[in-house]
C-alpha atoms as a PDB file:
ATOM      1  CA  GLN A   1      62.576 -32.182 -17.320  1.00  0.00           C
ATOM      2  CA  VAL A   2      64.764 -29.235 -16.432  1.00  0.00           C
ATOM      3  CA  GLN A   3      68.472 -30.023 -16.217  1.00  0.00           C
ATOM      4  CA  LEU A   4      71.283 -27.803 -14.967  1.00  0.00           C
ATOM      5  CA  VAL A   5      74.895 -28.703 -15.675  1.00  0.00           C
ATOM      6  CA  GLU A   6      77.750 -26.769 -14.098  1.00  0.00           C
ATOM      7  CA  SER A   7      81.289 -26.587 -15.420  1.00  0.00           C
ATOM      8  CA  GLY A   8      84.452 -24.588 -14.895  1.00  0.00           C
ATOM      9  CA  GLY A   9      85.491 -25.571 -11.408  1.00  0.00           C
ATOM     10  CA  GLY A  10      89.024 -26.560 -10.525  1.00  0.00           C
ATOM     11  CA  LEU A  11      92.087 -25.929  -8.411  1.00  0.00           C
ATOM     12  CA  VAL A  12      93.431 -22.382  -8.312  1.00  0.00           C
ATOM     13  CA  GLN A  13      95.893 -20.456  -6.160  1.00  0.00           C
ATOM     14  CA  ALA A  14      94.732 -17.722  -3.838  1.00  0.00           C
ATOM     15  CA  GLY A  15      94.261 -14.510  -5.763  1.00  0.00           C
ATOM     16  CA  GLY A  16      93.383 -16.370  -8.934  1.00  0.00           C
ATOM     17  CA  SER A  17      90.216 -16.438 -11.008  1.00  0.00           C
ATOM     18  CA  LEU A  18      87.733 -18.915 -12.398  1.00  0.00           C
ATOM     19  CA  ARG A  19      84.588 -18.739 -14.471  1.00  0.00           C
ATOM     20  CA  LEU A  20      81.792 -21.147 -13.678  1.00  0.00           C
ATOM     21  CA  SER A  21      79.105 -21.894 -16.249  1.00  0.00           C
ATOM     22  CA  CYS A  22      75.699 -23.463 -15.857  1.00  0.00           C
ATOM     23  CA  ALA A  23      73.876 -24.686 -18.941  1.00  0.00           C
ATOM     24  CA  VAL A  24      70.127 -25.152 -18.585  1.00  0.00           C
ATOM     25  CA  SER A  25      67.991 -27.407 -20.743  1.00  0.00           C
ATOM     26  CA  GLY A  26      64.471 -28.758 -20.754  1.00  0.00           C
ATOM     27  CA  GLY A  27      62.701 -25.561 -19.770  1.00  0.00           C
ATOM     28  CA  THR A  28      62.258 -21.905 -20.660  1.00  0.00           C
ATOM     29  CA  PHE A  29      65.494 -20.423 -19.376  1.00  0.00           C
ATOM     30  CA  SER A  30      64.343 -16.823 -19.626  1.00  0.00           C
ATOM     31  CA  SER A  31      61.525 -17.536 -17.168  1.00  0.00           C
ATOM     32  CA  TYR A  32      63.916 -18.601 -14.413  1.00  0.00           C
ATOM     33  CA  ALA A  33      65.702 -16.511 -11.903  1.00  0.00           C
ATOM     34  CA  MET A  34      69.108 -18.096 -11.402  1.00  0.00           C
ATOM     35  CA  GLY A  35      71.332 -18.417  -8.385  1.00  0.00           C
ATOM     36  CA  TRP A  36      74.618 -19.802  -7.244  1.00  0.00           C
ATOM     37  CA  PHE A  37      75.084 -21.446  -3.873  1.00  0.00           C
ATOM     38  CA  ARG A  38      78.056 -23.190  -2.348  1.00  0.00           C
ATOM     39  CA  GLN A  39      78.648 -25.804   0.283  1.00  0.00           C
ATOM     40  CA  ALA A  40      81.902 -26.330   2.099  1.00  0.00           C
ATOM     41  CA  PRO A  41      82.604 -29.600   3.930  1.00  0.00           C
ATOM     42  CA  GLY A  42      80.570 -29.841   7.106  1.00  0.00           C
ATOM     43  CA  LYS A  43      78.632 -26.651   6.397  1.00  0.00           C
ATOM     44  CA  GLU A  44      75.179 -25.762   5.143  1.00  0.00           C
ATOM     45  CA  HIS A  45      74.429 -24.465   1.661  1.00  0.00           C
ATOM     46  CA  GLU A  46      75.395 -20.806   1.473  1.00  0.00           C
ATOM     47  CA  PHE A  47      73.902 -18.245  -0.885  1.00  0.00           C
ATOM     48  CA  VAL A  48      76.505 -16.724  -3.220  1.00  0.00           C
ATOM     49  CA  ALA A  49      74.731 -14.738  -5.945  1.00  0.00           C
ATOM     50  CA  ALA A  50      71.443 -14.397  -7.798  1.00  0.00           C
ATOM     51  CA  ILE A  51      70.243 -12.821 -11.020  1.00  0.00           C
ATOM     52  CA  SER A  52      66.709 -12.047 -12.134  1.00  0.00           C
ATOM     53  CA  GLN A  53      65.058 -13.420 -15.256  1.00  0.00           C
ATOM     54  CA  ARG A  54      66.182 -10.624 -17.570  1.00  0.00           C
ATOM     55  CA  GLY A  55      69.361  -9.852 -15.663  1.00  0.00           C
ATOM     56  CA  GLY A  56      68.185  -6.499 -14.392  1.00  0.00           C
ATOM     57  CA  TYR A  57      68.652  -7.391 -10.749  1.00  0.00           C
ATOM     58  CA  THR A  58      71.595  -9.081  -9.071  1.00  0.00           C
ATOM     59  CA  ALA A  59      72.424  -9.841  -5.471  1.00  0.00           C
ATOM     60  CA  TYR A  60      75.548 -11.088  -3.714  1.00  0.00           C
ATOM     61  CA  ALA A  61      76.559 -12.468  -0.372  1.00  0.00           C
ATOM     62  CA  ASP A  62      78.638  -9.989   1.598  1.00  0.00           C
ATOM     63  CA  SER A  63      81.524 -12.451   1.592  1.00  0.00           C
ATOM     64  CA  VAL A  64      81.844 -12.317  -2.207  1.00  0.00           C
ATOM     65  CA  LYS A  65      80.648  -8.820  -3.028  1.00  0.00           C
ATOM     66  CA  GLY A  66      83.183  -6.996  -5.175  1.00  0.00           C
ATOM     67  CA  ARG A  67      84.983 -10.218  -6.095  1.00  0.00           C
ATOM     68  CA  PHE A  68      82.334 -12.370  -7.812  1.00  0.00           C
ATOM     69  CA  THR A  69      80.047 -11.405 -10.693  1.00  0.00           C
ATOM     70  CA  ILE A  70      76.950 -13.234 -11.859  1.00  0.00           C
ATOM     71  CA  SER A  71      75.714 -12.862 -15.437  1.00  0.00           C
ATOM     72  CA  ARG A  72      73.455 -14.672 -17.864  1.00  0.00           C
ATOM     73  CA  ASP A  73      73.041 -15.150 -21.592  1.00  0.00           C
ATOM     74  CA  ASN A  74      69.414 -15.988 -22.332  1.00  0.00           C
ATOM     75  CA  ALA A  75      70.258 -16.769 -25.954  1.00  0.00           C
ATOM     76  CA  LYS A  76      72.619 -19.503 -24.766  1.00  0.00           C
ATOM     77  CA  ASN A  77      70.503 -20.698 -21.827  1.00  0.00           C
ATOM     78  CA  THR A  78      73.540 -20.224 -19.622  1.00  0.00           C
ATOM     79  CA  VAL A  79      74.348 -18.445 -16.380  1.00  0.00           C
ATOM     80  CA  TYR A  80      77.883 -17.602 -15.319  1.00  0.00           C
ATOM     81  CA  LEU A  81      79.707 -16.864 -12.118  1.00  0.00           C
ATOM     82  CA  HIS A  82      82.996 -15.031 -12.446  1.00  0.00           C
ATOM     83  CA  LEU A  83      85.188 -15.610  -9.392  1.00  0.00           C
ATOM     84  CA  ASN A  84      88.057 -13.175  -8.869  1.00  0.00           C
ATOM     85  CA  ALA A  85      90.528 -12.603  -6.037  1.00  0.00           C
ATOM     86  CA  LEU A  86      89.812 -16.081  -4.752  1.00  0.00           C
ATOM     87  CA  LYS A  87      90.544 -16.960  -1.150  1.00  0.00           C
ATOM     88  CA  PRO A  88      91.043 -20.354   0.501  1.00  0.00           C
ATOM     89  CA  GLU A  89      87.719 -19.843   2.313  1.00  0.00           C
ATOM     90  CA  ASP A  90      85.979 -19.834  -1.084  1.00  0.00           C
ATOM     91  CA  THR A  91      86.750 -23.550  -1.368  1.00  0.00           C
ATOM     92  CA  ALA A  92      83.446 -25.393  -1.761  1.00  0.00           C
ATOM     93  CA  VAL A  93      81.192 -27.225  -4.157  1.00  0.00           C
ATOM     94  CA  TYR A  94      79.348 -24.587  -6.166  1.00  0.00           C
ATOM     95  CA  TYR A  95      75.778 -25.291  -7.216  1.00  0.00           C
ATOM     96  CA  CYS A  96      73.697 -23.602  -9.868  1.00  0.00           C
ATOM     97  CA  ALA A  97      69.985 -23.204  -9.124  1.00  0.00           C
ATOM     98  CA  GLY A  98      66.922 -22.038 -11.036  1.00  0.00           C
ATOM     99  CA  GLY A  99      63.436 -21.030 -10.054  1.00  0.00           C
ATOM    100  CA  PHE A 100      60.489 -18.836 -10.876  1.00  0.00           C
ATOM    101  CA  ARG A 101      61.074 -16.504  -7.941  1.00  0.00           C
ATOM    102  CA  TYR A 102      64.109 -14.259  -7.635  1.00  0.00           C
ATOM    103  CA  GLY A 103      65.453 -14.719  -4.162  1.00  0.00           C
ATOM    104  CA  LEU A 104      68.395 -15.331  -1.876  1.00  0.00           C
ATOM    105  CA  GLU A 105      67.101 -18.390  -0.090  1.00  0.00           C
ATOM    106  CA  TYR A 106      67.687 -22.049  -0.826  1.00  0.00           C
ATOM    107  CA  ALA A 107      63.917 -22.595  -0.838  1.00  0.00           C
ATOM    108  CA  ASP A 108      63.413 -20.022  -3.595  1.00  0.00           C
ATOM    109  CA  TYR A 109      64.834 -22.414  -6.166  1.00  0.00           C
ATOM    110  CA  SER A 110      63.267 -25.526  -7.640  1.00  0.00           C
ATOM    111  CA  TYR A 111      65.968 -26.813  -9.921  1.00  0.00           C
ATOM    112  CA  TRP A 112      69.541 -27.666  -9.007  1.00  0.00           C
ATOM    113  CA  GLY A 113      72.683 -28.822 -10.721  1.00  0.00           C
ATOM    114  CA  GLN A 114      75.012 -31.455  -9.344  1.00  0.00           C
ATOM    115  CA  GLY A 115      77.750 -29.010  -8.456  1.00  0.00           C
ATOM    116  CA  THR A 116      81.313 -28.245  -9.438  1.00  0.00           C
ATOM    117  CA  GLN A 117      84.262 -28.252  -7.051  1.00  0.00           C
ATOM    118  CA  VAL A 118      86.287 -25.099  -6.523  1.00  0.00           C
ATOM    119  CA  THR A 119      89.463 -25.487  -4.498  1.00  0.00           C
ATOM    120  CA  VAL A 120      91.613 -22.485  -3.619  1.00  0.00           C
ATOM    121  CA  SER A 121      95.100 -23.189  -2.319  1.00  0.00           C
ATOM    122  CA  SER A 122      96.974 -20.774  -0.088  1.00  0.00           C
END
């Protein structure tokens, strides 16, 4: 059974930084494209970033482009999301997702973590 466990969320002031981690177990990590999504209260899941199986391709939502960076370490079965220049509107629960198809859609991913809260104060 594939398990994804996020960590690294927290409370940060606007302009600050965080690094989210997602450790994957129970499967072949290098065969999964990985993504990050977020969900703010009362809103739908929103795509944030994605990275292909070997890390050669990345994609970002326009709202985070230039501020967030996705990366992966296949030796550690871990994907990261570096959040810089945070804004109050980045406040959400951030979810890690994995799947066999590299994509930007919620439906592209089969495996999901339970989420980590990021709160940005103004």
